[in-house]
């Protein structure tokens, strides 16, 4: 997980391969990122135009990572908060349970 030794951006980069396949309920993730001002109207529209869920997940992760630590941290908070609705339970285990503990998220900002 993102902790004092690893930035949120680095964590997402390191777990991207697993996240891109286990993220689900992408409209909920996109809406939360929009509400937190991580994505703008244009980006939301572009994501809606993506043909597959895999492509949407890939774009979400790539764009958030490119926006830096603050955006990456927001995505991690969203995934943690709504984990049951946004991460496939079978694949999420490979991301490491300790990686999603809320008490570790606060050290980033």
N, C-alpha and C. Protein backbone atom coordinates (compact mmCIF):
# COMPACT_ATOMS: atom_id res chain seq x y z
N UNK A 1 0.84 -1.19 0.00
CA UNK A 1 0.00 0.00 0.00
C UNK A 1 0.86 1.23 0.00
N UNK A 2 0.27 2.29 -0.33
CA UNK A 2 0.95 3.56 -0.25
C UNK A 2 1.23 3.85 1.22
N UNK A 3 2.46 4.08 1.53
CA UNK A 3 2.83 4.38 2.90
C UNK A 3 3.96 5.39 2.86
N UNK A 4 4.58 5.62 4.01
CA UNK A 4 5.62 6.64 4.09
C UNK A 4 6.77 6.34 3.12
N UNK A 5 7.03 5.07 2.84
CA UNK A 5 8.13 4.71 1.96
C UNK A 5 7.72 4.66 0.49
N UNK A 6 6.44 4.67 0.21
CA UNK A 6 5.98 4.51 -1.17
C UNK A 6 4.84 5.48 -1.44
N UNK A 7 4.97 6.28 -2.46
CA UNK A 7 3.93 7.24 -2.80
C UNK A 7 2.71 6.52 -3.37
N UNK A 8 1.57 7.22 -3.38
CA UNK A 8 0.35 6.66 -3.94
C UNK A 8 0.53 6.36 -5.43
N UNK A 9 1.22 7.24 -6.12
CA UNK A 9 1.46 7.05 -7.55
C UNK A 9 2.31 5.80 -7.79
N UNK A 10 3.33 5.63 -7.00
CA UNK A 10 4.21 4.47 -7.12
C UNK A 10 3.43 3.19 -6.83
N UNK A 11 2.59 3.25 -5.80
CA UNK A 11 1.78 2.08 -5.45
C UNK A 11 0.86 1.69 -6.61
N UNK A 12 0.16 2.67 -7.18
CA UNK A 12 -0.73 2.38 -8.32
C UNK A 12 0.06 1.84 -9.51
N UNK A 13 1.23 2.41 -9.75
CA UNK A 13 2.07 1.93 -10.86
C UNK A 13 2.47 0.48 -10.63
N UNK A 14 2.84 0.16 -9.40
CA UNK A 14 3.29 -1.20 -9.07
C UNK A 14 2.16 -2.23 -9.10
N UNK A 15 0.93 -1.79 -8.83
CA UNK A 15 -0.21 -2.72 -8.78
C UNK A 15 -1.13 -2.58 -9.98
N UNK A 16 -0.74 -1.77 -10.94
CA UNK A 16 -1.58 -1.49 -12.10
C UNK A 16 -2.04 -2.77 -12.80
N UNK A 17 -1.15 -3.69 -13.00
CA UNK A 17 -1.46 -4.93 -13.72
C UNK A 17 -2.60 -5.69 -13.04
N UNK A 18 -2.57 -5.76 -11.71
CA UNK A 18 -3.63 -6.44 -10.97
C UNK A 18 -4.90 -5.59 -10.93
N UNK A 19 -4.75 -4.30 -10.71
CA UNK A 19 -5.92 -3.42 -10.60
C UNK A 19 -6.71 -3.36 -11.90
N UNK A 20 -6.03 -3.31 -13.02
CA UNK A 20 -6.73 -3.16 -14.30
C UNK A 20 -7.66 -4.35 -14.57
N UNK A 21 -7.35 -5.49 -13.99
CA UNK A 21 -8.20 -6.67 -14.20
C UNK A 21 -9.21 -6.89 -13.09
N UNK A 22 -9.02 -6.29 -11.93
CA UNK A 22 -9.96 -6.55 -10.83
C UNK A 22 -10.88 -5.38 -10.50
N UNK A 23 -10.67 -4.22 -11.11
CA UNK A 23 -11.58 -3.11 -10.85
C UNK A 23 -12.92 -3.39 -11.52
N UNK A 24 -14.01 -3.11 -10.79
CA UNK A 24 -15.34 -3.30 -11.34
C UNK A 24 -16.20 -2.11 -10.94
N UNK A 25 -17.41 -2.04 -11.47
CA UNK A 25 -18.32 -0.92 -11.21
C UNK A 25 -17.62 0.40 -11.55
N UNK A 26 -17.06 0.44 -12.72
CA UNK A 26 -16.27 1.61 -13.15
C UNK A 26 -17.07 2.91 -13.18
N UNK A 27 -18.36 2.90 -13.53
CA UNK A 27 -19.09 4.17 -13.48
C UNK A 27 -19.09 4.80 -12.08
N UNK A 28 -19.13 3.97 -11.04
CA UNK A 28 -19.08 4.48 -9.67
C UNK A 28 -17.71 5.10 -9.37
N UNK A 29 -16.66 4.45 -9.82
CA UNK A 29 -15.31 4.99 -9.63
C UNK A 29 -15.16 6.31 -10.39
N UNK A 30 -15.61 6.32 -11.64
CA UNK A 30 -15.50 7.52 -12.47
C UNK A 30 -16.27 8.68 -11.83
N UNK A 31 -17.48 8.42 -11.38
CA UNK A 31 -18.29 9.47 -10.76
C UNK A 31 -17.62 10.02 -9.51
N UNK A 32 -17.05 9.16 -8.70
CA UNK A 32 -16.36 9.61 -7.50
C UNK A 32 -15.13 10.44 -7.85
N UNK A 33 -14.39 10.03 -8.86
CA UNK A 33 -13.23 10.80 -9.29
C UNK A 33 -13.66 12.16 -9.86
N UNK A 34 -14.78 12.20 -10.53
CA UNK A 34 -15.31 13.46 -11.06
C UNK A 34 -15.73 14.38 -9.90
N UNK A 35 -16.41 13.83 -8.91
CA UNK A 35 -16.84 14.62 -7.76
C UNK A 35 -15.66 15.18 -6.98
N UNK A 36 -14.56 14.44 -6.95
CA UNK A 36 -13.36 14.89 -6.25
C UNK A 36 -12.49 15.79 -7.13
N UNK A 37 -12.98 16.11 -8.33
CA UNK A 37 -12.30 17.01 -9.27
C UNK A 37 -10.99 16.42 -9.81
N UNK A 38 -10.88 15.09 -9.78
CA UNK A 38 -9.73 14.43 -10.39
C UNK A 38 -9.94 14.38 -11.90
N UNK A 39 -11.17 14.10 -12.33
CA UNK A 39 -11.52 14.09 -13.75
C UNK A 39 -12.46 15.25 -14.06
N UNK A 40 -12.31 15.78 -15.27
CA UNK A 40 -13.22 16.84 -15.72
C UNK A 40 -14.27 16.23 -16.67
N UNK A 41 -15.17 17.08 -17.18
CA UNK A 41 -16.25 16.61 -18.06
C UNK A 41 -15.71 15.90 -19.30
N UNK A 42 -14.68 16.49 -19.89
CA UNK A 42 -14.10 15.90 -21.11
C UNK A 42 -13.56 14.49 -20.83
N UNK A 43 -12.86 14.33 -19.72
CA UNK A 43 -12.29 13.02 -19.38
C UNK A 43 -13.38 12.00 -19.10
N UNK A 44 -14.44 12.42 -18.40
CA UNK A 44 -15.55 11.51 -18.13
C UNK A 44 -16.19 11.07 -19.44
N UNK A 45 -16.41 11.99 -20.35
CA UNK A 45 -16.99 11.65 -21.65
C UNK A 45 -16.09 10.69 -22.43
N UNK A 46 -14.80 10.93 -22.38
CA UNK A 46 -13.85 10.05 -23.08
C UNK A 46 -13.88 8.64 -22.48
N UNK A 47 -14.00 8.55 -21.17
CA UNK A 47 -14.07 7.23 -20.53
C UNK A 47 -15.36 6.51 -20.91
N UNK A 48 -16.45 7.23 -20.97
CA UNK A 48 -17.72 6.62 -21.37
C UNK A 48 -17.66 6.08 -22.80
N UNK A 49 -16.84 6.69 -23.62
CA UNK A 49 -16.71 6.26 -25.01
C UNK A 49 -15.83 5.02 -25.19
N UNK A 50 -15.06 4.68 -24.19
CA UNK A 50 -14.22 3.47 -24.29
C UNK A 50 -15.12 2.25 -24.46
N UNK A 51 -14.71 1.35 -25.32
CA UNK A 51 -15.56 0.22 -25.70
C UNK A 51 -15.63 -0.89 -24.65
N UNK A 52 -14.52 -1.17 -23.98
CA UNK A 52 -14.49 -2.30 -23.04
C UNK A 52 -14.20 -1.82 -21.62
N UNK A 53 -14.60 -2.64 -20.67
CA UNK A 53 -14.32 -2.33 -19.27
C UNK A 53 -12.81 -2.32 -19.02
N UNK A 54 -12.09 -3.22 -19.68
CA UNK A 54 -10.64 -3.26 -19.54
C UNK A 54 -10.02 -1.94 -19.98
N UNK A 55 -10.46 -1.42 -21.12
CA UNK A 55 -9.92 -0.15 -21.62
C UNK A 55 -10.26 1.01 -20.69
N UNK A 56 -11.48 1.00 -20.14
CA UNK A 56 -11.86 2.03 -19.18
C UNK A 56 -10.96 1.97 -17.95
N UNK A 57 -10.77 0.78 -17.41
CA UNK A 57 -9.94 0.62 -16.21
C UNK A 57 -8.50 1.06 -16.50
N UNK A 58 -8.00 0.68 -17.67
CA UNK A 58 -6.65 1.07 -18.06
C UNK A 58 -6.52 2.58 -18.14
N UNK A 59 -7.49 3.23 -18.76
CA UNK A 59 -7.45 4.69 -18.88
C UNK A 59 -7.55 5.37 -17.51
N UNK A 60 -8.46 4.89 -16.68
CA UNK A 60 -8.60 5.46 -15.33
C UNK A 60 -7.26 5.42 -14.62
N UNK A 61 -6.64 4.26 -14.60
CA UNK A 61 -5.37 4.11 -13.88
C UNK A 61 -4.27 4.96 -14.50
N UNK A 62 -4.15 4.93 -15.81
CA UNK A 62 -3.08 5.70 -16.47
C UNK A 62 -3.25 7.19 -16.25
N UNK A 63 -4.49 7.68 -16.37
CA UNK A 63 -4.72 9.11 -16.20
C UNK A 63 -4.48 9.55 -14.76
N UNK A 64 -4.96 8.74 -13.82
CA UNK A 64 -4.76 9.08 -12.40
C UNK A 64 -3.27 9.07 -12.06
N UNK A 65 -2.55 8.06 -12.50
CA UNK A 65 -1.11 7.98 -12.24
C UNK A 65 -0.40 9.20 -12.83
N UNK A 66 -0.77 9.59 -14.05
CA UNK A 66 -0.14 10.75 -14.69
C UNK A 66 -0.45 12.06 -13.99
N UNK A 67 -1.55 12.11 -13.27
CA UNK A 67 -1.92 13.32 -12.53
C UNK A 67 -1.16 13.46 -11.21
N UNK A 68 -0.48 12.40 -10.78
CA UNK A 68 0.38 12.50 -9.61
C UNK A 68 -0.21 11.94 -8.33
N UNK A 69 0.50 12.25 -7.23
CA UNK A 69 0.18 11.66 -5.93
C UNK A 69 -1.19 12.04 -5.39
N UNK A 70 -1.57 13.28 -5.54
CA UNK A 70 -2.86 13.70 -4.98
C UNK A 70 -4.01 12.95 -5.64
N UNK A 71 -3.99 12.86 -6.96
CA UNK A 71 -5.03 12.12 -7.69
C UNK A 71 -4.95 10.63 -7.37
N UNK A 72 -3.75 10.10 -7.29
CA UNK A 72 -3.57 8.68 -6.97
C UNK A 72 -4.10 8.36 -5.59
N UNK A 73 -3.84 9.25 -4.66
CA UNK A 73 -4.34 9.09 -3.30
C UNK A 73 -5.86 9.12 -3.27
N UNK A 74 -6.48 9.99 -4.05
CA UNK A 74 -7.94 10.05 -4.11
C UNK A 74 -8.50 8.73 -4.63
N UNK A 75 -7.90 8.18 -5.67
CA UNK A 75 -8.37 6.90 -6.20
C UNK A 75 -8.23 5.81 -5.15
N UNK A 76 -7.12 5.77 -4.45
CA UNK A 76 -6.94 4.76 -3.41
C UNK A 76 -7.99 4.91 -2.31
N UNK A 77 -8.30 6.13 -1.94
CA UNK A 77 -9.33 6.35 -0.92
C UNK A 77 -10.70 5.87 -1.43
N UNK A 78 -11.00 6.16 -2.69
CA UNK A 78 -12.27 5.71 -3.27
C UNK A 78 -12.34 4.19 -3.29
N UNK A 79 -11.28 3.56 -3.76
CA UNK A 79 -11.26 2.09 -3.82
C UNK A 79 -11.40 1.48 -2.43
N UNK A 80 -10.78 2.09 -1.45
CA UNK A 80 -10.88 1.59 -0.09
C UNK A 80 -12.29 1.79 0.46
N UNK A 81 -12.84 2.95 0.23
CA UNK A 81 -14.15 3.28 0.78
C UNK A 81 -15.27 2.42 0.18
N UNK A 82 -15.19 2.16 -1.09
CA UNK A 82 -16.25 1.41 -1.76
C UNK A 82 -15.72 0.09 -2.33
N UNK A 83 -14.80 -0.50 -1.60
CA UNK A 83 -14.09 -1.71 -2.04
C UNK A 83 -15.02 -2.83 -2.48
N UNK A 84 -16.04 -3.11 -1.72
CA UNK A 84 -16.91 -4.24 -2.05
C UNK A 84 -17.61 -4.06 -3.39
N UNK A 85 -17.81 -2.81 -3.79
CA UNK A 85 -18.49 -2.55 -5.06
C UNK A 85 -17.54 -2.27 -6.20
N UNK A 86 -16.23 -2.09 -5.92
CA UNK A 86 -15.30 -1.68 -6.98
C UNK A 86 -14.14 -2.63 -7.23
N UNK A 87 -13.94 -3.60 -6.36
CA UNK A 87 -12.84 -4.55 -6.57
C UNK A 87 -13.37 -5.97 -6.55
N UNK A 88 -12.96 -6.76 -7.52
CA UNK A 88 -13.34 -8.15 -7.57
C UNK A 88 -12.68 -8.87 -6.40
N UNK A 89 -13.46 -9.50 -5.50
CA UNK A 89 -12.89 -10.10 -4.30
C UNK A 89 -11.86 -11.18 -4.59
N UNK A 90 -12.04 -11.92 -5.67
CA UNK A 90 -11.09 -12.97 -5.99
C UNK A 90 -9.71 -12.44 -6.35
N UNK A 91 -9.65 -11.33 -7.06
CA UNK A 91 -8.37 -10.77 -7.48
C UNK A 91 -7.81 -9.75 -6.50
N UNK A 92 -8.66 -9.12 -5.72
CA UNK A 92 -8.21 -8.08 -4.80
C UNK A 92 -7.25 -8.63 -3.75
N UNK A 93 -7.40 -9.91 -3.42
CA UNK A 93 -6.52 -10.51 -2.42
C UNK A 93 -5.06 -10.44 -2.86
N UNK A 94 -4.81 -10.50 -4.15
CA UNK A 94 -3.43 -10.46 -4.64
C UNK A 94 -2.79 -9.09 -4.45
N UNK A 95 -3.60 -8.07 -4.18
CA UNK A 95 -3.08 -6.72 -3.96
C UNK A 95 -2.55 -6.55 -2.55
N UNK A 96 -2.82 -7.51 -1.69
CA UNK A 96 -2.32 -7.44 -0.33
C UNK A 96 -3.29 -6.74 0.60
N UNK A 97 -3.78 -7.43 1.56
CA UNK A 97 -4.75 -6.87 2.51
C UNK A 97 -4.18 -5.66 3.22
N UNK A 98 -2.92 -5.73 3.61
CA UNK A 98 -2.32 -4.60 4.32
C UNK A 98 -2.24 -3.37 3.42
N UNK A 99 -2.31 -3.57 2.12
CA UNK A 99 -2.25 -2.47 1.18
C UNK A 99 -3.49 -1.61 1.17
N UNK A 100 -4.56 -2.06 1.78
CA UNK A 100 -5.81 -1.32 1.71
C UNK A 100 -6.29 -0.87 3.08
N UNK A 101 -5.44 -0.89 4.07
CA UNK A 101 -5.86 -0.45 5.39
C UNK A 101 -5.95 1.06 5.44
N UNK A 102 -7.08 1.56 5.93
CA UNK A 102 -7.32 3.00 5.98
C UNK A 102 -6.31 3.74 6.81
N UNK A 103 -5.82 3.14 7.87
CA UNK A 103 -4.90 3.86 8.75
C UNK A 103 -3.59 4.18 8.06
N UNK A 104 -3.26 3.51 7.00
CA UNK A 104 -2.02 3.80 6.27
C UNK A 104 -2.20 4.88 5.22
N UNK A 105 -3.42 5.12 4.81
CA UNK A 105 -3.66 6.12 3.76
C UNK A 105 -3.32 7.53 4.21
N UNK A 106 -3.53 7.83 5.47
CA UNK A 106 -3.38 9.21 5.94
C UNK A 106 -1.95 9.73 5.88
N UNK A 107 -0.95 8.88 5.78
CA UNK A 107 0.43 9.35 5.81
C UNK A 107 0.87 10.01 4.51
N UNK A 108 0.07 9.90 3.45
CA UNK A 108 0.48 10.43 2.17
C UNK A 108 0.38 11.94 2.06
N UNK A 109 -0.67 12.51 2.62
CA UNK A 109 -0.89 13.94 2.44
C UNK A 109 -0.79 14.69 3.73
